[in-house]
Amino acid sequence: MAKAKAEKTWSLKEIDSARGDSKGTAFLAFKELKDSFDEGRDFYYLNSAHDGREIEKLRAAGRIYETTVNAILLTEAGYSSIVDYLDG
C-alpha cells in the first residue's frame, strides 16, 4: 500500500460524492469493470485484516463510508475508467 500514498487516489465514496451519485454507484461500476482492471495499476485493495490502520485513517478523514470494511482506492487510470463508464 506504500505506493498508493505517493500518488493521488480516489475512494468510491469520493467518486460518488464528486458526481452527486447515490452511495454504491461507483462500487457497481467498479464491479462491472473489475475484470479489466489490474490491482496496483488501476486500484489498490485494502484488506481489513492487513490494512486496518490505513482503513481507519481513511474513515477518520471521511474518505470512505462509515460501513466500509475493506477499501478500494482507485488510481488515475481506474478513476478515469469508472467516470467514463458512468458517463457512457
PDB file of N, CA and C in Angstrom:
ATOM      1  N   MET A   1       0.821  -1.200   0.000  1.00  0.00           N
ATOM      2  CA  MET A   1       0.000   0.000   0.000  1.00  0.00           C
ATOM      3  C   MET A   1       0.861   1.258   0.000  1.00  0.00           C
ATOM      4  N   ALA A   2       2.124   1.121   0.251  1.00  0.00           N
ATOM      5  CA  ALA A   2       3.005   2.285   0.341  1.00  0.00           C
ATOM      6  C   ALA A   2       2.994   3.122  -0.934  1.00  0.00           C
ATOM      7  N   LYS A   3       2.940   2.468  -2.080  1.00  0.00           N
ATOM      8  CA  LYS A   3       2.965   3.194  -3.348  1.00  0.00           C
ATOM      9  C   LYS A   3       1.752   4.119  -3.488  1.00  0.00           C
ATOM     10  N   ALA A   4       0.600   3.668  -3.010  1.00  0.00           N
ATOM     11  CA  ALA A   4      -0.618   4.467  -3.158  1.00  0.00           C
ATOM     12  C   ALA A   4      -0.514   5.791  -2.418  1.00  0.00           C
ATOM     13  N   LYS A   5       0.252   5.822  -1.355  1.00  0.00           N
ATOM     14  CA  LYS A   5       0.397   7.055  -0.588  1.00  0.00           C
ATOM     15  C   LYS A   5       1.128   8.128  -1.393  1.00  0.00           C
ATOM     16  N   ALA A   6       1.913   7.704  -2.362  1.00  0.00           N
ATOM     17  CA  ALA A   6       2.711   8.641  -3.148  1.00  0.00           C
ATOM     18  C   ALA A   6       1.944   9.204  -4.343  1.00  0.00           C
ATOM     19  N   GLU A   7       0.804   8.630  -4.655  1.00  0.00           N
ATOM     20  CA  GLU A   7       0.042   9.103  -5.800  1.00  0.00           C
ATOM     21  C   GLU A   7      -1.382   9.454  -5.382  1.00  0.00           C
ATOM     22  N   LYS A   8      -2.035  10.252  -6.192  1.00  0.00           N
ATOM     23  CA  LYS A   8      -3.422  10.642  -5.928  1.00  0.00           C
ATOM     24  C   LYS A   8      -4.318   9.425  -6.126  1.00  0.00           C
ATOM     25  N   THR A   9      -5.156   9.172  -5.156  1.00  0.00           N
ATOM     26  CA  THR A   9      -6.130   8.094  -5.281  1.00  0.00           C
ATOM     27  C   THR A   9      -7.509   8.631  -4.931  1.00  0.00           C
ATOM     28  N   TRP A  10      -8.514   7.925  -5.400  1.00  0.00           N
ATOM     29  CA  TRP A  10      -9.900   8.269  -5.123  1.00  0.00           C
ATOM     30  C   TRP A  10     -10.579   7.061  -4.502  1.00  0.00           C
ATOM     31  N   SER A  11     -11.369   7.307  -3.486  1.00  0.00           N
ATOM     32  CA  SER A  11     -12.192   6.239  -2.919  1.00  0.00           C
ATOM     33  C   SER A  11     -13.516   6.208  -3.676  1.00  0.00           C
ATOM     34  N   LEU A  12     -14.235   5.124  -3.503  1.00  0.00           N
ATOM     35  CA  LEU A  12     -15.547   5.026  -4.146  1.00  0.00           C
ATOM     36  C   LEU A  12     -16.485   6.098  -3.605  1.00  0.00           C
ATOM     37  N   LYS A  13     -16.398   6.383  -2.316  1.00  0.00           N
ATOM     38  CA  LYS A  13     -17.225   7.443  -1.715  1.00  0.00           C
ATOM     39  C   LYS A  13     -16.905   8.791  -2.357  1.00  0.00           C
ATOM     40  N   GLU A  14     -15.619   9.074  -2.559  1.00  0.00           N
ATOM     41  CA  GLU A  14     -15.224  10.355  -3.149  1.00  0.00           C
ATOM     42  C   GLU A  14     -15.767  10.495  -4.568  1.00  0.00           C
ATOM     43  N   ILE A  15     -15.790   9.401  -5.323  1.00  0.00           N
ATOM     44  CA  ILE A  15     -16.335   9.458  -6.685  1.00  0.00           C
ATOM     45  C   ILE A  15     -17.840   9.704  -6.632  1.00  0.00           C
ATOM     46  N   ASP A  16     -18.532   8.948  -5.774  1.00  0.00           N
ATOM     47  CA  ASP A  16     -19.983   9.160  -5.629  1.00  0.00           C
ATOM     48  C   ASP A  16     -20.272  10.605  -5.240  1.00  0.00           C
ATOM     49  N   SER A  17     -19.555  11.121  -4.255  1.00  0.00           N
ATOM     50  CA  SER A  17     -19.797  12.477  -3.755  1.00  0.00           C
ATOM     51  C   SER A  17     -19.511  13.539  -4.814  1.00  0.00           C
ATOM     52  N   ALA A  18     -18.379  13.407  -5.506  1.00  0.00           N
ATOM     53  CA  ALA A  18     -17.990  14.401  -6.504  1.00  0.00           C
ATOM     54  C   ALA A  18     -18.988  14.470  -7.655  1.00  0.00           C
ATOM     55  N   ARG A  19     -19.577  13.328  -7.969  1.00  0.00           N
ATOM     56  CA  ARG A  19     -20.515  13.264  -9.090  1.00  0.00           C
ATOM     57  C   ARG A  19     -21.960  13.507  -8.663  1.00  0.00           C
ATOM     58  N   GLY A  20     -22.200  13.526  -7.368  1.00  0.00           N
ATOM     59  CA  GLY A  20     -23.564  13.672  -6.887  1.00  0.00           C
ATOM     60  C   GLY A  20     -24.371  12.397  -7.053  1.00  0.00           C
ATOM     61  N   ASP A  21     -23.674  11.274  -7.147  1.00  0.00           N
ATOM     62  CA  ASP A  21     -24.336   9.981  -7.320  1.00  0.00           C
ATOM     63  C   ASP A  21     -24.698   9.388  -5.960  1.00  0.00           C
ATOM     64  N   SER A  22     -25.649   8.486  -5.955  1.00  0.00           N
ATOM     65  CA  SER A  22     -26.032   7.833  -4.705  1.00  0.00           C
ATOM     66  C   SER A  22     -24.957   6.833  -4.281  1.00  0.00           C
ATOM     67  N   LYS A  23     -24.949   6.545  -2.979  1.00  0.00           N
ATOM     68  CA  LYS A  23     -23.979   5.595  -2.415  1.00  0.00           C
ATOM     69  C   LYS A  23     -24.056   4.277  -3.177  1.00  0.00           C
ATOM     70  N   GLY A  24     -22.897   3.767  -3.545  1.00  0.00           N
ATOM     71  CA  GLY A  24     -22.824   2.485  -4.229  1.00  0.00           C
ATOM     72  C   GLY A  24     -22.711   2.563  -5.737  1.00  0.00           C
ATOM     73  N   THR A  25     -22.923   3.747  -6.312  1.00  0.00           N
ATOM     74  CA  THR A  25     -22.865   3.885  -7.772  1.00  0.00           C
ATOM     75  C   THR A  25     -21.469   3.553  -8.295  1.00  0.00           C
ATOM     76  N   ALA A  26     -20.443   4.139  -7.694  1.00  0.00           N
ATOM     77  CA  ALA A  26     -19.064   3.875  -8.143  1.00  0.00           C
ATOM     78  C   ALA A  26     -18.684   2.422  -7.886  1.00  0.00           C
ATOM     79  N   PHE A  27     -19.176   1.849  -6.779  1.00  0.00           N
ATOM     80  CA  PHE A  27     -18.874   0.447  -6.476  1.00  0.00           C
ATOM     81  C   PHE A  27     -19.458  -0.476  -7.545  1.00  0.00           C
ATOM     82  N   LEU A  28     -20.686  -0.220  -7.959  1.00  0.00           N
ATOM     83  CA  LEU A  28     -21.290  -1.045  -9.008  1.00  0.00           C
ATOM     84  C   LEU A  28     -20.508  -0.931 -10.316  1.00  0.00           C
ATOM     85  N   ALA A  29     -20.056   0.277 -10.630  1.00  0.00           N
ATOM     86  CA  ALA A  29     -19.230   0.465 -11.832  1.00  0.00           C
ATOM     87  C   ALA A  29     -17.913  -0.297 -11.682  1.00  0.00           C
ATOM     88  N   PHE A  30     -17.311  -0.233 -10.495  1.00  0.00           N
ATOM     89  CA  PHE A  30     -16.064  -0.960 -10.239  1.00  0.00           C
ATOM     90  C   PHE A  30     -16.276  -2.457 -10.460  1.00  0.00           C
ATOM     91  N   LYS A  31     -17.378  -2.982  -9.954  1.00  0.00           N
ATOM     92  CA  LYS A  31     -17.655  -4.414 -10.122  1.00  0.00           C
ATOM     93  C   LYS A  31     -17.777  -4.785 -11.594  1.00  0.00           C
ATOM     94  N   GLU A  32     -18.403  -3.910 -12.382  1.00  0.00           N
ATOM     95  CA  GLU A  32     -18.551  -4.173 -13.811  1.00  0.00           C
ATOM     96  C   GLU A  32     -17.197  -4.168 -14.533  1.00  0.00           C
ATOM     97  N   LEU A  33     -16.295  -3.304 -14.092  1.00  0.00           N
ATOM     98  CA  LEU A  33     -15.015  -3.111 -14.775  1.00  0.00           C
ATOM     99  C   LEU A  33     -13.869  -3.924 -14.181  1.00  0.00           C
ATOM    100  N   LYS A  34     -14.090  -4.536 -13.030  1.00  0.00           N
ATOM    101  CA  LYS A  34     -13.003  -5.170 -12.258  1.00  0.00           C
ATOM    102  C   LYS A  34     -12.158  -6.142 -13.082  1.00  0.00           C
ATOM    103  N   ASP A  35     -12.786  -6.930 -13.941  1.00  0.00           N
ATOM    104  CA  ASP A  35     -12.037  -7.908 -14.732  1.00  0.00           C
ATOM    105  C   ASP A  35     -11.038  -7.256 -15.684  1.00  0.00           C
ATOM    106  N   SER A  36     -11.271  -6.003 -16.044  1.00  0.00           N
ATOM    107  CA  SER A  36     -10.348  -5.312 -16.952  1.00  0.00           C
ATOM    108  C   SER A  36      -9.308  -4.488 -16.182  1.00  0.00           C
ATOM    109  N   PHE A  37      -9.440  -4.432 -14.866  1.00  0.00           N
ATOM    110  CA  PHE A  37      -8.511  -3.662 -14.030  1.00  0.00           C
ATOM    111  C   PHE A  37      -7.370  -4.535 -13.536  1.00  0.00           C
ATOM    112  N   ASP A  38      -6.221  -3.896 -13.333  1.00  0.00           N
ATOM    113  CA  ASP A  38      -5.070  -4.564 -12.731  1.00  0.00           C
ATOM    114  C   ASP A  38      -4.829  -3.946 -11.364  1.00  0.00           C
ATOM    115  N   GLU A  39      -4.835  -4.796 -10.330  1.00  0.00           N
ATOM    116  CA  GLU A  39      -4.544  -4.309  -8.987  1.00  0.00           C
ATOM    117  C   GLU A  39      -3.111  -3.781  -8.955  1.00  0.00           C
ATOM    118  N   GLY A  40      -2.921  -2.611  -8.384  1.00  0.00           N
ATOM    119  CA  GLY A  40      -1.609  -1.982  -8.339  1.00  0.00           C
ATOM    120  C   GLY A  40      -1.403  -0.973  -9.458  1.00  0.00           C
ATOM    121  N   ARG A  41      -2.157  -1.120 -10.535  1.00  0.00           N
ATOM    122  CA  ARG A  41      -2.103  -0.144 -11.627  1.00  0.00           C
ATOM    123  C   ARG A  41      -3.375   0.705 -11.643  1.00  0.00           C
ATOM    124  N   ASP A  42      -4.526   0.046 -11.563  1.00  0.00           N
ATOM    125  CA  ASP A  42      -5.805   0.735 -11.639  1.00  0.00           C
ATOM    126  C   ASP A  42      -6.434   0.977 -10.260  1.00  0.00           C
ATOM    127  N   PHE A  43      -6.094   0.134  -9.309  1.00  0.00           N
ATOM    128  CA  PHE A  43      -6.679   0.265  -7.973  1.00  0.00           C
ATOM    129  C   PHE A  43      -5.807  -0.434  -6.941  1.00  0.00           C
ATOM    130  N   TYR A  44      -6.050  -0.084  -5.689  1.00  0.00           N
ATOM    131  CA  TYR A  44      -5.440  -0.749  -4.548  1.00  0.00           C
ATOM    132  C   TYR A  44      -6.556  -1.299  -3.681  1.00  0.00           C
ATOM    133  N   TYR A  45      -6.414  -2.530  -3.251  1.00  0.00           N
ATOM    134  CA  TYR A  45      -7.394  -3.159  -2.376  1.00  0.00           C
ATOM    135  C   TYR A  45      -6.813  -3.204  -0.974  1.00  0.00           C
ATOM    136  N   LEU A  46      -7.512  -2.630  -0.029  1.00  0.00           N
ATOM    137  CA  LEU A  46      -7.084  -2.631   1.360  1.00  0.00           C
ATOM    138  C   LEU A  46      -7.947  -3.624   2.131  1.00  0.00           C
ATOM    139  N   ASN A  47      -7.306  -4.646   2.658  1.00  0.00           N
ATOM    140  CA  ASN A  47      -7.977  -5.702   3.403  1.00  0.00           C
ATOM    141  C   ASN A  47      -7.970  -5.349   4.884  1.00  0.00           C
ATOM    142  N   SER A  48      -9.118  -5.439   5.523  1.00  0.00           N
ATOM    143  CA  SER A  48      -9.226  -5.032   6.928  1.00  0.00           C
ATOM    144  C   SER A  48      -8.281  -5.815   7.836  1.00  0.00           C
ATOM    145  N   ALA A  49      -7.989  -7.060   7.495  1.00  0.00           N
ATOM    146  CA  ALA A  49      -7.098  -7.870   8.326  1.00  0.00           C
ATOM    147  C   ALA A  49      -5.646  -7.387   8.263  1.00  0.00           C
ATOM    148  N   HIS A  50      -5.249  -6.837   7.108  1.00  0.00           N
ATOM    149  CA  HIS A  50      -3.860  -6.418   6.915  1.00  0.00           C
ATOM    150  C   HIS A  50      -3.668  -4.904   6.903  1.00  0.00           C
ATOM    151  N   ASP A  51      -4.699  -4.192   6.502  1.00  0.00           N
ATOM    152  CA  ASP A  51      -4.591  -2.740   6.307  1.00  0.00           C
ATOM    153  C   ASP A  51      -5.547  -1.968   7.221  1.00  0.00           C
ATOM    154  N   GLY A  52      -5.882  -2.548   8.349  1.00  0.00           N
ATOM    155  CA  GLY A  52      -6.860  -1.952   9.247  1.00  0.00           C
ATOM    156  C   GLY A  52      -6.543  -0.535   9.664  1.00  0.00           C
ATOM    157  N   ARG A  53      -5.282  -0.272   9.957  1.00  0.00           N
ATOM    158  CA  ARG A  53      -4.899   1.073  10.392  1.00  0.00           C
ATOM    159  C   ARG A  53      -5.090   2.092   9.271  1.00  0.00           C
ATOM    160  N   GLU A  54      -4.708   1.720   8.064  1.00  0.00           N
ATOM    161  CA  GLU A  54      -4.886   2.606   6.900  1.00  0.00           C
ATOM    162  C   GLU A  54      -6.376   2.855   6.633  1.00  0.00           C
ATOM    163  N   ILE A  55      -7.189   1.813   6.756  1.00  0.00           N
ATOM    164  CA  ILE A  55      -8.630   1.948   6.558  1.00  0.00           C
ATOM    165  C   ILE A  55      -9.218   2.896   7.603  1.00  0.00           C
ATOM    166  N   GLU A  56      -8.781   2.774   8.837  1.00  0.00           N
ATOM    167  CA  GLU A  56      -9.266   3.672   9.895  1.00  0.00           C
ATOM    168  C   GLU A  56      -8.886   5.124   9.615  1.00  0.00           C
ATOM    169  N   LYS A  57      -7.690   5.349   9.074  1.00  0.00           N
ATOM    170  CA  LYS A  57      -7.266   6.708   8.708  1.00  0.00           C
ATOM    171  C   LYS A  57      -8.176   7.271   7.617  1.00  0.00           C
ATOM    172  N   LEU A  58      -8.502   6.441   6.627  1.00  0.00           N
ATOM    173  CA  LEU A  58      -9.402   6.868   5.549  1.00  0.00           C
ATOM    174  C   LEU A  58     -10.783   7.187   6.103  1.00  0.00           C
ATOM    175  N   ARG A  59     -11.260   6.351   7.023  1.00  0.00           N
ATOM    176  CA  ARG A  59     -12.575   6.577   7.629  1.00  0.00           C
ATOM    177  C   ARG A  59     -12.566   7.878   8.432  1.00  0.00           C
ATOM    178  N   ALA A  60     -11.526   8.080   9.235  1.00  0.00           N
ATOM    179  CA  ALA A  60     -11.422   9.291  10.062  1.00  0.00           C
ATOM    180  C   ALA A  60     -11.360  10.556   9.204  1.00  0.00           C
ATOM    181  N   ALA A  61     -10.751  10.442   8.023  1.00  0.00           N
ATOM    182  CA  ALA A  61     -10.638  11.582   7.111  1.00  0.00           C
ATOM    183  C   ALA A  61     -11.909  11.780   6.285  1.00  0.00           C
ATOM    184  N   GLY A  62     -12.886  10.886   6.444  1.00  0.00           N
ATOM    185  CA  GLY A  62     -14.130  10.999   5.694  1.00  0.00           C
ATOM    186  C   GLY A  62     -14.025  10.559   4.249  1.00  0.00           C
ATOM    187  N   ARG A  63     -12.958   9.836   3.913  1.00  0.00           N
ATOM    188  CA  ARG A  63     -12.748   9.432   2.517  1.00  0.00           C
ATOM    189  C   ARG A  63     -13.516   8.168   2.141  1.00  0.00           C
ATOM    190  N   ILE A  64     -13.914   7.366   3.138  1.00  0.00           N
ATOM    191  CA  ILE A  64     -14.670   6.153   2.865  1.00  0.00           C
ATOM    192  C   ILE A  64     -15.944   6.162   3.703  1.00  0.00           C
ATOM    193  N   TYR A  65     -16.896   5.349   3.308  1.00  0.00           N
ATOM    194  CA  TYR A  65     -18.155   5.251   4.046  1.00  0.00           C
ATOM    195  C   TYR A  65     -17.906   4.621   5.416  1.00  0.00           C
ATOM    196  N   GLU A  66     -18.685   5.031   6.396  1.00  0.00           N
ATOM    197  CA  GLU A  66     -18.560   4.508   7.761  1.00  0.00           C
ATOM    198  C   GLU A  66     -18.664   2.986   7.802  1.00  0.00           C
ATOM    199  N   THR A  67     -19.476   2.424   6.928  1.00  0.00           N
ATOM    200  CA  THR A  67     -19.717   0.979   6.935  1.00  0.00           C
ATOM    201  C   THR A  67     -18.691   0.183   6.129  1.00  0.00           C
ATOM    202  N   THR A  68     -17.726   0.853   5.520  1.00  0.00           N
ATOM    203  CA  THR A  68     -16.720   0.167   4.706  1.00  0.00           C
ATOM    204  C   THR A  68     -15.879  -0.759   5.575  1.00  0.00           C
ATOM    205  N   VAL A  69     -15.726  -2.005   5.135  1.00  0.00           N
ATOM    206  CA  VAL A  69     -14.884  -2.972   5.837  1.00  0.00           C
ATOM    207  C   VAL A  69     -13.539  -3.072   5.130  1.00  0.00           C
ATOM    208  N   ASN A  70     -13.550  -3.444   3.852  1.00  0.00           N
ATOM    209  CA  ASN A  70     -12.358  -3.490   3.012  1.00  0.00           C
ATOM    210  C   ASN A  70     -12.479  -2.333   2.023  1.00  0.00           C
ATOM    211  N   ALA A  71     -11.394  -1.610   1.812  1.00  0.00           N
ATOM    212  CA  ALA A  71     -11.465  -0.401   0.990  1.00  0.00           C
ATOM    213  C   ALA A  71     -10.804  -0.595  -0.369  1.00  0.00           C
ATOM    214  N   ILE A  72     -11.304   0.147  -1.334  1.00  0.00           N
ATOM    215  CA  ILE A  72     -10.735   0.192  -2.682  1.00  0.00           C
ATOM    216  C   ILE A  72     -10.347   1.636  -2.954  1.00  0.00           C
ATOM    217  N   LEU A  73      -9.093   1.833  -3.351  1.00  0.00           N
ATOM    218  CA  LEU A  73      -8.633   3.157  -3.756  1.00  0.00           C
ATOM    219  C   LEU A  73      -8.258   3.076  -5.228  1.00  0.00           C
ATOM    220  N   LEU A  74      -8.808   3.972  -6.017  1.00  0.00           N
ATOM    221  CA  LEU A  74      -8.557   3.968  -7.455  1.00  0.00           C
ATOM    222  C   LEU A  74      -7.449   4.935  -7.820  1.00  0.00           C
ATOM    223  N   THR A  75      -6.605   4.509  -8.742  1.00  0.00           N
ATOM    224  CA  THR A  75      -5.563   5.378  -9.278  1.00  0.00           C
ATOM    225  C   THR A  75      -6.196   6.277 -10.340  1.00  0.00           C
ATOM    226  N   GLU A  76      -5.404   7.126 -10.923  1.00  0.00           N
ATOM    227  CA  GLU A  76      -5.874   7.999 -12.006  1.00  0.00           C
ATOM    228  C   GLU A  76      -6.504   7.177 -13.128  1.00  0.00           C
ATOM    229  N   ALA A  77      -5.846   6.087 -13.509  1.00  0.00           N
ATOM    230  CA  ALA A  77      -6.353   5.233 -14.591  1.00  0.00           C
ATOM    231  C   ALA A  77      -7.685   4.595 -14.213  1.00  0.00           C
ATOM    232  N   GLY A  78      -7.779   4.074 -13.007  1.00  0.00           N
ATOM    233  CA  GLY A  78      -9.016   3.445 -12.562  1.00  0.00           C
ATOM    234  C   GLY A  78     -10.137   4.450 -12.421  1.00  0.00           C
ATOM    235  N   TYR A  79      -9.816   5.605 -11.870  1.00  0.00           N
ATOM    236  CA  TYR A  79     -10.795   6.681 -11.721  1.00  0.00           C
ATOM    237  C   TYR A  79     -11.352   7.075 -13.087  1.00  0.00           C
ATOM    238  N   SER A  80     -10.472   7.289 -14.052  1.00  0.00           N
ATOM    239  CA  SER A  80     -10.898   7.682 -15.401  1.00  0.00           C
ATOM    240  C   SER A  80     -11.801   6.632 -16.031  1.00  0.00           C
ATOM    241  N   SER A  81     -11.460   5.364 -15.838  1.00  0.00           N
ATOM    242  CA  SER A  81     -12.278   4.282 -16.402  1.00  0.00           C
ATOM    243  C   SER A  81     -13.668   4.269 -15.787  1.00  0.00           C
ATOM    244  N   ILE A  82     -13.766   4.471 -14.485  1.00  0.00           N
ATOM    245  CA  ILE A  82     -15.073   4.473 -13.821  1.00  0.00           C
ATOM    246  C   ILE A  82     -15.906   5.663 -14.278  1.00  0.00           C
ATOM    247  N   VAL A  83     -15.291   6.841 -14.332  1.00  0.00           N
ATOM    248  CA  VAL A  83     -16.028   8.027 -14.765  1.00  0.00           C
ATOM    249  C   VAL A  83     -16.497   7.868 -16.212  1.00  0.00           C
ATOM    250  N   ASP A  84     -15.626   7.356 -17.072  1.00  0.00           N
ATOM    251  CA  ASP A  84     -16.011   7.121 -18.466  1.00  0.00           C
ATOM    252  C   ASP A  84     -17.180   6.137 -18.547  1.00  0.00           C
ATOM    253  N   TYR A  85     -17.111   5.087 -17.751  1.00  0.00           N
ATOM    254  CA  TYR A  85     -18.181   4.075 -17.726  1.00  0.00           C
ATOM    255  C   TYR A  85     -19.502   4.709 -17.277  1.00  0.00           C
ATOM    256  N   LEU A  86     -19.435   5.489 -16.208  1.00  0.00           N
ATOM    257  CA  LEU A  86     -20.652   6.110 -15.676  1.00  0.00           C
ATOM    258  C   LEU A  86     -21.211   7.187 -16.620  1.00  0.00           C
ATOM    259  N   ASP A  87     -20.338   7.847 -17.347  1.00  0.00           N
ATOM    260  CA  ASP A  87     -20.779   8.889 -18.283  1.00  0.00           C
ATOM    261  C   ASP A  87     -21.254   8.306 -19.612  1.00  0.00           C
ATOM    262  N   GLY A  88     -20.889   7.035 -19.850  1.00  0.00           N
ATOM    263  CA  GLY A  88     -21.202   6.389 -21.119  1.00  0.00           C
ATOM    264  C   GLY A  88     -22.650   6.197 -21.282  1.00  0.00           C
TER     265      GLY A  88
END
